[in-house]
N, C-alpha and C. Protein backbone atom coordinates (compact mmCIF):
# COMPACT_ATOMS: atom_id res chain seq x y z
N UNK A 1 19.75 -122.69 -202.82
CA UNK A 1 20.78 -122.88 -203.06
C UNK A 1 21.44 -123.61 -204.03
N UNK A 2 22.43 -122.79 -204.67
CA UNK A 2 22.78 -123.11 -206.16
C UNK A 2 23.77 -124.73 -205.62
N UNK A 3 23.42 -125.90 -206.30
CA UNK A 3 23.98 -127.06 -206.05
C UNK A 3 25.59 -127.13 -207.03
N UNK A 4 26.40 -127.54 -206.15
CA UNK A 4 27.80 -128.12 -206.69
C UNK A 4 27.73 -129.19 -206.80
N UNK A 5 28.00 -130.25 -207.89
CA UNK A 5 28.50 -131.69 -207.77
C UNK A 5 29.58 -131.97 -206.95
N UNK A 6 29.28 -132.91 -205.91
CA UNK A 6 30.02 -133.48 -205.28
C UNK A 6 30.40 -134.95 -205.39
N UNK A 7 31.47 -135.40 -205.45
CA UNK A 7 31.51 -137.12 -205.62
C UNK A 7 31.92 -137.72 -204.55
N UNK A 8 30.89 -138.51 -203.98
CA UNK A 8 30.86 -139.63 -203.18
C UNK A 8 32.31 -140.26 -202.99
N UNK A 9 32.79 -140.31 -201.79
CA UNK A 9 34.16 -141.17 -201.78
C UNK A 9 33.84 -142.40 -201.62
N UNK A 10 34.67 -143.33 -202.42
CA UNK A 10 34.54 -144.59 -202.56
C UNK A 10 34.29 -145.34 -201.02
N UNK A 11 33.61 -146.46 -200.82
CA UNK A 11 33.83 -147.23 -199.69
C UNK A 11 34.39 -148.22 -199.63
N UNK A 12 35.16 -148.37 -200.69
CA UNK A 12 36.38 -149.81 -201.03
C UNK A 12 37.48 -149.60 -201.70
N UNK A 13 37.69 -148.23 -201.75
CA UNK A 13 39.18 -147.83 -202.19
C UNK A 13 40.21 -148.07 -201.81
N UNK A 14 41.18 -148.31 -202.28
CA UNK A 14 42.85 -148.45 -201.31
C UNK A 14 42.93 -147.01 -200.56
N UNK A 15 43.87 -147.28 -199.75
CA UNK A 15 44.22 -146.13 -198.92
C UNK A 15 44.34 -144.91 -199.44
N UNK A 16 45.19 -144.74 -200.18
CA UNK A 16 45.48 -143.42 -201.00
C UNK A 16 44.15 -142.55 -201.94
N UNK A 17 43.79 -143.69 -202.64
CA UNK A 17 42.38 -142.99 -202.97
C UNK A 17 41.49 -142.72 -202.00
N UNK A 18 41.41 -143.69 -201.02
CA UNK A 18 40.23 -143.25 -200.02
C UNK A 18 40.61 -142.01 -199.19
N UNK A 19 41.79 -141.91 -199.19
CA UNK A 19 41.71 -140.23 -198.25
C UNK A 19 41.88 -139.17 -199.40
N UNK A 20 42.27 -139.26 -200.77
CA UNK A 20 42.26 -138.26 -201.37
C UNK A 20 40.59 -137.97 -201.94
N UNK A 21 39.76 -139.06 -201.86
CA UNK A 21 38.32 -139.11 -202.28
C UNK A 21 37.94 -138.06 -201.07
N UNK A 22 38.28 -138.40 -199.83
CA UNK A 22 37.36 -137.73 -199.06
C UNK A 22 38.00 -136.31 -198.67
N UNK A 23 39.46 -135.98 -199.12
CA UNK A 23 39.56 -134.22 -199.23
C UNK A 23 38.77 -133.94 -200.45
N UNK A 24 39.16 -134.36 -201.53
CA UNK A 24 37.98 -133.89 -202.66
C UNK A 24 36.63 -133.51 -202.47
N UNK A 25 36.06 -134.68 -201.73
CA UNK A 25 34.68 -134.44 -201.23
C UNK A 25 34.56 -133.10 -200.21
N UNK A 26 35.29 -132.95 -199.15
CA UNK A 26 35.25 -131.77 -198.33
C UNK A 26 36.00 -130.57 -199.38
N UNK A 27 36.64 -130.70 -200.04
CA UNK A 27 37.06 -129.54 -200.64
C UNK A 27 35.65 -129.01 -201.53
N UNK A 28 35.13 -129.99 -202.25
CA UNK A 28 33.71 -129.69 -203.03
C UNK A 28 32.53 -129.03 -201.91
N UNK A 29 32.79 -129.57 -200.92
CA UNK A 29 31.44 -129.41 -200.01
C UNK A 29 31.97 -127.74 -199.61
N UNK A 30 32.90 -127.57 -199.40
CA UNK A 30 33.30 -126.06 -199.06
C UNK A 30 32.69 -125.15 -200.18
N UNK A 31 33.25 -125.19 -201.38
CA UNK A 31 32.55 -124.55 -202.76
C UNK A 31 31.32 -124.71 -202.54
N UNK A 32 30.56 -125.66 -202.38
CA UNK A 32 29.18 -125.73 -202.55
C UNK A 32 28.53 -124.80 -201.72
N UNK A 33 29.11 -124.87 -200.50
CA UNK A 33 28.43 -123.42 -199.30
C UNK A 33 28.64 -122.48 -199.77
N UNK A 34 29.12 -122.20 -200.84
CA UNK A 34 29.47 -120.98 -201.14
C UNK A 34 28.86 -120.37 -202.71
N UNK A 35 28.39 -121.29 -203.21
CA UNK A 35 27.48 -121.45 -204.41
C UNK A 35 26.13 -120.70 -204.38
N UNK A 36 26.18 -119.69 -205.38
CA UNK A 36 24.93 -118.83 -205.84
C UNK A 36 24.87 -117.25 -204.83
N UNK A 37 25.86 -117.21 -204.17
CA UNK A 37 26.08 -116.10 -203.24
C UNK A 37 26.44 -114.81 -204.22
N UNK A 38 26.37 -113.56 -203.60
CA UNK A 38 26.72 -112.61 -204.07
C UNK A 38 28.40 -112.32 -203.37
N UNK A 39 29.50 -111.59 -203.99
CA UNK A 39 30.30 -111.31 -203.04
C UNK A 39 29.86 -110.64 -201.82
N UNK A 40 28.93 -109.62 -201.84
CA UNK A 40 28.54 -109.23 -200.55
C UNK A 40 28.00 -110.14 -199.73
N UNK A 41 27.21 -111.24 -200.03
CA UNK A 41 27.16 -112.28 -199.13
C UNK A 41 28.10 -113.13 -198.47
N UNK A 42 29.06 -113.16 -199.36
CA UNK A 42 30.31 -114.03 -199.01
C UNK A 42 31.08 -113.35 -198.33
N UNK A 43 30.91 -112.14 -197.99
CA UNK A 43 31.81 -111.32 -197.20
C UNK A 43 31.01 -111.00 -195.65
N UNK A 44 29.76 -111.44 -195.62
CA UNK A 44 29.10 -111.48 -194.39
C UNK A 44 29.32 -112.02 -193.43
N UNK A 45 29.93 -111.25 -192.25
CA UNK A 45 30.55 -111.95 -191.07
C UNK A 45 29.15 -112.86 -190.37
N UNK A 46 29.40 -113.73 -189.84
CA UNK A 46 28.45 -114.50 -189.05
C UNK A 46 27.88 -113.95 -187.82
N UNK A 47 28.62 -113.83 -187.00
CA UNK A 47 28.08 -112.66 -185.95
C UNK A 47 28.63 -112.31 -184.93
N UNK A 48 28.81 -111.01 -184.51
CA UNK A 48 29.65 -110.53 -183.56
C UNK A 48 29.78 -111.01 -182.44
N UNK A 49 31.11 -111.16 -181.84
CA UNK A 49 32.15 -110.37 -182.62
C UNK A 49 32.98 -111.04 -183.82
N UNK A 50 32.78 -112.26 -184.24
CA UNK A 50 33.28 -113.01 -185.25
C UNK A 50 33.21 -112.07 -186.65
N UNK A 51 34.41 -112.03 -187.02
CA UNK A 51 34.45 -111.62 -188.33
C UNK A 51 34.49 -112.53 -189.33
N UNK A 52 34.31 -113.90 -188.95
CA UNK A 52 34.44 -115.23 -190.03
C UNK A 52 33.21 -114.87 -191.11
N UNK A 53 33.98 -115.17 -192.60
CA UNK A 53 33.22 -115.19 -193.66
C UNK A 53 33.33 -116.13 -194.63
N UNK A 54 32.21 -116.73 -195.52
CA UNK A 54 32.48 -117.67 -196.32
C UNK A 54 33.70 -117.53 -197.10
N UNK A 55 33.70 -116.37 -197.65
CA UNK A 55 35.00 -115.86 -198.53
C UNK A 55 36.63 -116.06 -197.93
N UNK A 56 36.55 -115.49 -196.36
CA UNK A 56 37.57 -115.74 -195.47
C UNK A 56 37.92 -116.98 -195.31
N UNK A 57 37.03 -117.96 -195.30
CA UNK A 57 37.43 -119.41 -195.43
C UNK A 57 37.80 -120.12 -196.21
N UNK A 58 37.60 -119.61 -197.59
CA UNK A 58 38.16 -119.98 -198.75
C UNK A 58 39.55 -119.66 -199.00
N UNK A 59 39.78 -118.43 -198.76
CA UNK A 59 41.04 -117.66 -198.84
C UNK A 59 41.85 -118.62 -197.73
N UNK A 60 41.24 -118.87 -196.45
CA UNK A 60 42.44 -119.51 -195.63
C UNK A 60 42.73 -120.80 -195.98
N UNK A 61 41.44 -121.42 -196.69
CA UNK A 61 42.15 -122.87 -197.21
C UNK A 61 42.91 -122.83 -198.26
N UNK A 62 43.01 -121.95 -199.21
CA UNK A 62 43.84 -121.74 -200.49
C UNK A 62 45.21 -121.48 -199.72
N UNK A 63 45.51 -120.72 -198.61
CA UNK A 63 46.75 -120.65 -197.91
C UNK A 63 47.28 -121.88 -197.04
N UNK A 64 46.12 -122.64 -196.43
CA UNK A 64 46.55 -124.05 -195.93
C UNK A 64 47.13 -125.10 -197.22
N UNK A 65 46.48 -125.04 -198.08
CA UNK A 65 46.76 -125.86 -199.16
C UNK A 65 48.13 -125.38 -199.63
N UNK A 66 48.32 -124.40 -199.90
CA UNK A 66 49.71 -123.81 -200.03
C UNK A 66 50.69 -124.21 -199.26
N UNK A 67 50.57 -124.13 -198.02
CA UNK A 67 51.28 -124.23 -196.81
C UNK A 67 51.66 -125.65 -196.83
N UNK A 68 50.57 -126.56 -196.63
CA UNK A 68 50.84 -127.81 -196.31
C UNK A 68 51.73 -128.88 -197.53
N UNK A 69 51.09 -128.51 -198.78
CA UNK A 69 51.31 -129.24 -199.67
C UNK A 69 52.73 -128.73 -200.68
N UNK A 70 52.50 -127.46 -200.75
CA UNK A 70 53.97 -126.85 -201.65
C UNK A 70 54.83 -126.49 -200.68
N UNK A 71 54.79 -125.98 -199.45
CA UNK A 71 55.88 -125.42 -198.66
C UNK A 71 56.27 -126.54 -197.96
N UNK A 72 55.65 -127.30 -197.24
CA UNK A 72 56.06 -128.22 -196.15
C UNK A 72 56.71 -129.46 -197.13
N UNK A 73 55.30 -130.08 -197.99
CA UNK A 73 55.59 -131.43 -198.28
C UNK A 73 56.54 -130.96 -199.50
N UNK A 74 56.84 -130.19 -200.32
CA UNK A 74 57.48 -130.24 -201.65
C UNK A 74 58.49 -129.40 -201.22
N UNK A 75 58.63 -128.57 -200.17
CA UNK A 75 59.69 -127.78 -199.78
C UNK A 75 60.10 -126.15 -200.77
N UNK A 76 58.98 -125.96 -201.46
CA UNK A 76 58.80 -124.94 -202.04
C UNK A 76 59.19 -123.49 -201.49
N UNK A 77 60.09 -122.54 -201.56
CA UNK A 77 60.54 -121.45 -201.14
C UNK A 77 59.23 -120.27 -201.49
N UNK A 78 58.01 -120.14 -201.36
CA UNK A 78 57.26 -119.36 -201.54
C UNK A 78 56.53 -119.03 -200.18
N UNK A 79 55.88 -117.70 -200.47
CA UNK A 79 55.40 -117.30 -199.18
C UNK A 79 53.77 -117.48 -199.28
N UNK A 80 53.14 -116.70 -198.34
CA UNK A 80 51.66 -117.20 -198.16
C UNK A 80 50.80 -116.35 -199.33
N UNK A 81 49.88 -116.65 -199.68
CA UNK A 81 49.04 -115.61 -200.43
C UNK A 81 48.34 -114.62 -199.83
N UNK A 82 48.11 -114.59 -198.36
CA UNK A 82 47.21 -113.53 -197.82
C UNK A 82 47.57 -113.26 -196.57
N UNK A 83 48.55 -113.89 -195.69
CA UNK A 83 48.98 -113.67 -194.54
C UNK A 83 50.34 -113.29 -194.48
N UNK A 84 50.46 -112.60 -192.98
CA UNK A 84 52.04 -112.51 -193.27
C UNK A 84 52.37 -112.25 -191.89
N UNK A 85 53.68 -112.26 -191.33
CA UNK A 85 53.95 -112.10 -190.02
C UNK A 85 53.19 -110.52 -189.25
N UNK A 86 53.01 -109.46 -190.43
CA UNK A 86 52.57 -108.36 -190.03
C UNK A 86 51.05 -108.80 -189.70
N UNK A 87 50.23 -109.65 -190.42
CA UNK A 87 49.02 -109.82 -190.73
C UNK A 87 48.60 -111.27 -190.80
N UNK A 88 48.84 -111.67 -189.31
CA UNK A 88 48.60 -113.51 -189.50
C UNK A 88 46.93 -113.82 -189.77
N UNK A 89 46.32 -112.83 -189.74
CA UNK A 89 44.73 -112.94 -190.21
C UNK A 89 44.27 -112.44 -191.43
N UNK A 90 45.47 -112.01 -192.21
CA UNK A 90 45.12 -111.63 -193.23
C UNK A 90 44.47 -112.47 -194.27
N UNK A 91 44.37 -113.94 -194.05
CA UNK A 91 43.77 -114.80 -195.03
C UNK A 91 42.23 -114.67 -194.69
N UNK A 92 41.82 -114.66 -193.67
CA UNK A 92 40.38 -114.35 -193.21
C UNK A 92 39.74 -112.89 -193.25
N UNK A 93 40.70 -111.92 -193.62
CA UNK A 93 40.29 -110.51 -193.76
C UNK A 93 39.92 -110.13 -195.22
N UNK A 94 38.42 -110.15 -195.25
CA UNK A 94 38.19 -109.55 -196.40
C UNK A 94 37.28 -108.12 -196.52
N UNK A 95 37.98 -107.75 -197.67
CA UNK A 95 37.32 -106.01 -197.62
C UNK A 95 36.74 -105.94 -198.87
N UNK A 96 36.18 -104.94 -199.31
CA UNK A 96 35.29 -104.62 -200.29
C UNK A 96 36.09 -104.86 -202.03
N UNK A 97 37.42 -104.95 -201.78
CA UNK A 97 38.28 -104.89 -202.87
C UNK A 97 38.36 -106.56 -203.27
N UNK A 98 38.06 -107.20 -202.29
CA UNK A 98 38.15 -108.78 -202.56
C UNK A 98 36.97 -109.20 -203.03
N UNK A 99 37.28 -110.36 -204.13
CA UNK A 99 36.11 -110.56 -205.02
C UNK A 99 35.73 -112.00 -204.80
N UNK A 100 34.90 -112.97 -205.08
CA UNK A 100 34.62 -114.18 -205.18
C UNK A 100 35.67 -115.10 -205.99
N UNK A 101 35.49 -114.17 -207.69
CA UNK A 101 36.29 -114.58 -208.60
C UNK A 101 37.72 -114.55 -208.52
N UNK A 102 38.31 -113.84 -207.90
CA UNK A 102 40.02 -113.71 -207.56
C UNK A 102 39.91 -115.17 -206.49
N UNK A 103 39.12 -114.93 -205.36
CA UNK A 103 39.08 -115.86 -204.17
C UNK A 103 39.23 -117.32 -204.73
N UNK A 104 38.18 -117.44 -205.68
CA UNK A 104 37.98 -118.99 -206.23
C UNK A 104 38.93 -119.31 -207.30
N UNK A 105 39.55 -118.45 -208.17
CA UNK A 105 40.54 -118.75 -208.66
C UNK A 105 41.88 -119.06 -208.12
N UNK A 106 42.44 -118.28 -206.95
CA UNK A 106 43.12 -118.87 -206.23
C UNK A 106 43.31 -119.90 -205.55
N UNK A 107 42.07 -120.30 -204.83
CA UNK A 107 41.65 -121.49 -204.33
C UNK A 107 42.16 -122.84 -205.50
N UNK A 108 41.56 -122.54 -206.35
CA UNK A 108 41.35 -123.57 -207.54
C UNK A 108 42.80 -123.76 -207.92
N UNK A 109 43.74 -122.61 -207.98
CA UNK A 109 45.03 -122.76 -208.47
C UNK A 109 45.84 -123.32 -207.50
N UNK A 110 45.61 -123.39 -206.12
CA UNK A 110 46.35 -123.77 -204.70
C UNK A 110 45.87 -125.35 -204.59
N UNK A 111 44.66 -125.59 -205.03
CA UNK A 111 44.25 -126.98 -205.21
C UNK A 111 45.01 -127.80 -206.14
N UNK A 112 44.89 -127.25 -207.42
CA UNK A 112 45.53 -127.97 -208.45
C UNK A 112 47.08 -128.07 -208.28
N UNK A 113 47.93 -126.98 -207.72
CA UNK A 113 48.89 -127.35 -207.42
C UNK A 113 49.37 -128.19 -206.13
N UNK A 114 48.45 -128.37 -205.26
CA UNK A 114 48.81 -129.23 -204.01
C UNK A 114 48.58 -130.76 -204.87
N UNK A 115 47.62 -131.02 -205.43
CA UNK A 115 47.63 -132.27 -206.34
C UNK A 115 48.72 -132.65 -207.21
N UNK A 116 49.31 -131.70 -207.80
CA UNK A 116 50.49 -131.75 -208.72
C UNK A 116 51.94 -132.06 -207.43
N UNK A 117 52.06 -131.39 -206.37
CA UNK A 117 52.93 -131.63 -205.45
C UNK A 117 52.85 -133.01 -204.74
N UNK A 118 51.58 -133.61 -204.68
CA UNK A 118 51.47 -134.48 -204.16
C UNK A 118 51.60 -136.20 -204.89
N UNK A 119 51.16 -135.58 -206.29
CA UNK A 119 51.25 -136.65 -207.57
C UNK A 119 52.66 -137.53 -207.30
N UNK A 120 53.69 -137.19 -207.28
CA UNK A 120 54.82 -138.10 -207.15
C UNK A 120 55.44 -138.56 -205.97
N UNK A 121 54.68 -138.35 -204.94
CA UNK A 121 54.74 -138.60 -203.60
C UNK A 121 53.93 -139.94 -203.03
N UNK A 122 54.76 -140.80 -202.38
CA UNK A 122 53.95 -141.80 -201.44
C UNK A 122 53.48 -141.39 -200.26
N UNK A 123 52.71 -142.22 -199.86
CA UNK A 123 52.00 -141.84 -198.35
C UNK A 123 53.18 -141.76 -197.16
N UNK A 124 54.05 -142.46 -197.37
CA UNK A 124 54.97 -142.51 -196.59
C UNK A 124 56.11 -141.55 -196.68
N UNK A 125 56.34 -140.81 -197.81
CA UNK A 125 57.26 -139.93 -197.88
C UNK A 125 57.18 -138.97 -197.12
N UNK A 126 58.61 -138.40 -196.94
CA UNK A 126 58.32 -137.52 -195.57
C UNK A 126 58.57 -135.90 -196.38
N UNK A 127 58.13 -134.94 -195.76
CA UNK A 127 58.39 -133.53 -196.11
C UNK A 127 59.61 -132.88 -196.50
N UNK A 128 59.66 -132.39 -197.65
CA UNK A 128 60.98 -131.85 -197.90
C UNK A 128 61.31 -130.47 -197.28
N UNK A 129 60.40 -129.75 -197.07
CA UNK A 129 60.38 -128.31 -196.12
C UNK A 129 60.06 -128.40 -194.94
N UNK A 130 60.33 -127.51 -193.90
CA UNK A 130 60.26 -127.75 -192.60
C UNK A 130 59.07 -126.77 -191.83
N UNK A 131 58.48 -127.27 -190.85
CA UNK A 131 57.83 -126.01 -190.24
C UNK A 131 58.46 -125.35 -189.11
N UNK A 132 57.66 -124.47 -188.11
CA UNK A 132 58.70 -123.95 -187.02
C UNK A 132 58.78 -124.90 -185.95
N UNK A 133 57.71 -126.23 -186.13
CA UNK A 133 58.07 -127.30 -185.24
C UNK A 133 59.18 -128.05 -185.46
N UNK A 134 59.97 -127.82 -186.63
CA UNK A 134 61.10 -128.62 -187.16
C UNK A 134 60.77 -130.08 -186.79
N UNK A 135 59.54 -130.73 -187.53
CA UNK A 135 59.25 -132.00 -187.56
C UNK A 135 59.07 -132.31 -188.83
N UNK A 136 59.41 -133.36 -189.31
CA UNK A 136 58.79 -134.28 -190.52
C UNK A 136 57.60 -134.34 -190.63
N UNK A 137 56.80 -134.58 -191.54
CA UNK A 137 55.50 -135.02 -191.79
C UNK A 137 55.52 -135.83 -193.15
N UNK A 138 54.64 -136.99 -193.28
CA UNK A 138 54.55 -137.86 -194.27
C UNK A 138 53.51 -137.47 -194.80
N UNK A 139 53.17 -138.01 -196.14
CA UNK A 139 52.24 -137.37 -196.96
C UNK A 139 50.84 -137.92 -196.42
N UNK A 140 50.95 -138.90 -195.76
CA UNK A 140 49.63 -139.61 -195.29
C UNK A 140 49.04 -138.71 -194.04
N UNK A 141 49.94 -138.24 -193.39
CA UNK A 141 49.61 -137.04 -192.14
C UNK A 141 49.08 -135.82 -192.89
N UNK A 142 49.73 -135.12 -193.93
CA UNK A 142 49.16 -134.13 -194.48
C UNK A 142 47.89 -134.10 -195.06
N UNK A 143 47.45 -135.04 -195.63
CA UNK A 143 46.24 -135.51 -196.19
C UNK A 143 45.33 -135.72 -195.06
N UNK A 144 45.43 -136.47 -194.27
CA UNK A 144 44.58 -136.72 -193.23
C UNK A 144 43.92 -135.48 -192.37
N UNK A 145 45.50 -134.19 -192.02
CA UNK A 145 45.17 -133.02 -191.29
C UNK A 145 44.34 -132.39 -192.26
N UNK A 146 44.71 -132.54 -193.68
CA UNK A 146 43.48 -131.60 -194.35
C UNK A 146 42.20 -131.78 -194.33
N UNK A 147 41.92 -133.06 -194.34
CA UNK A 147 40.65 -133.59 -194.28
C UNK A 147 40.38 -133.00 -193.00
N UNK A 148 40.70 -132.93 -191.83
CA UNK A 148 40.09 -132.51 -190.61
C UNK A 148 39.90 -131.02 -190.82
N UNK A 149 41.21 -130.23 -191.37
CA UNK A 149 40.87 -129.05 -191.69
C UNK A 149 39.91 -128.47 -192.34
N UNK A 150 39.44 -129.24 -193.39
CA UNK A 150 38.41 -128.78 -194.29
C UNK A 150 37.03 -129.34 -193.50
N UNK A 151 36.94 -130.24 -192.82
CA UNK A 151 35.60 -130.55 -191.96
C UNK A 151 35.55 -129.66 -191.23
N UNK A 152 36.36 -129.39 -190.37
CA UNK A 152 35.93 -128.60 -189.45
C UNK A 152 35.61 -127.00 -189.99
N UNK A 153 36.27 -126.37 -190.98
CA UNK A 153 35.58 -125.19 -191.50
C UNK A 153 34.70 -125.35 -192.22
N UNK A 154 34.11 -126.52 -192.60
CA UNK A 154 32.79 -126.81 -193.28
C UNK A 154 31.73 -126.91 -192.42
N UNK A 155 31.97 -127.13 -191.26
CA UNK A 155 30.87 -126.56 -190.15
C UNK A 155 30.92 -125.42 -189.95
N UNK A 156 31.69 -124.56 -190.00
CA UNK A 156 31.64 -123.21 -189.73
C UNK A 156 30.87 -122.71 -191.08
N UNK A 157 31.12 -123.10 -192.00
CA UNK A 157 30.34 -122.62 -193.33
C UNK A 157 29.03 -123.04 -193.19
N UNK A 158 28.50 -123.96 -192.87
CA UNK A 158 27.14 -124.42 -192.47
C UNK A 158 26.40 -122.96 -191.79
N UNK A 159 27.03 -123.11 -190.67
CA UNK A 159 26.52 -121.79 -190.04
C UNK A 159 26.17 -120.36 -190.46
N UNK A 160 27.26 -120.09 -191.19
CA UNK A 160 27.39 -119.01 -192.16
C UNK A 160 26.42 -119.31 -193.12
N UNK A 161 26.18 -119.83 -193.84
CA UNK A 161 25.45 -120.08 -194.87
C UNK A 161 24.09 -120.11 -194.38
N UNK A 162 23.71 -120.75 -193.38
CA UNK A 162 22.16 -120.91 -192.72
C UNK A 162 21.94 -119.27 -192.32
N UNK A 163 23.26 -118.48 -191.81
CA UNK A 163 22.77 -117.15 -191.41
C UNK A 163 22.30 -116.44 -192.39
N UNK A 164 23.21 -116.58 -193.78
CA UNK A 164 23.18 -115.54 -194.84
C UNK A 164 21.63 -115.65 -195.12
N UNK A 165 21.29 -117.00 -195.65
CA UNK A 165 20.16 -117.04 -196.47
C UNK A 165 19.03 -118.21 -196.08
N UNK A 166 19.41 -118.74 -194.99
CA UNK A 166 18.84 -119.78 -194.49
C UNK A 166 18.65 -121.18 -195.04
N UNK A 167 19.78 -121.13 -196.17
CA UNK A 167 20.04 -122.35 -196.55
C UNK A 167 20.81 -123.50 -195.56
N UNK A 168 20.41 -124.64 -195.48
CA UNK A 168 21.30 -125.84 -194.87
C UNK A 168 21.25 -126.77 -195.70
N UNK A 169 22.25 -127.91 -195.28
CA UNK A 169 22.22 -129.22 -196.30
C UNK A 169 23.56 -129.86 -195.67
N UNK A 170 23.93 -130.82 -196.59
CA UNK A 170 25.29 -131.57 -195.98
C UNK A 170 26.44 -130.49 -196.56
């Protein structure tokens, strides 16, 4: 398995640095699970009946970054990248036309935009946008939720990668 450099989170950082450090660590972990694989391998489903793929996970997390940081926290009036009301699982759906280069570029752009959206906010600042639940969220909750989201999907990525080429690891 090709190695992607991951930065270990600090064990003594202040709260914001700690939260952002863990989020970045889990972001890097996901991309490391995809490193060194072909587009075809990244489109390989885990096991029937599931259609879950590594590329689908990265597409999903690009949309999740976009949703929580840009749409909810920053209140940007933008749509999803891959899913819609007509196709709520469009982020997970990968076809032969979907490439890793495009998926990775989209994910990187959304991570950069998420960082920018959060940069001017304090952990206690409330969301400018709304959700279907009509609740407010503070940045602390969003970052914590994103750590949970990545950690959960990194477990899926472990299983997918092992199925593809036998590679295991952190």
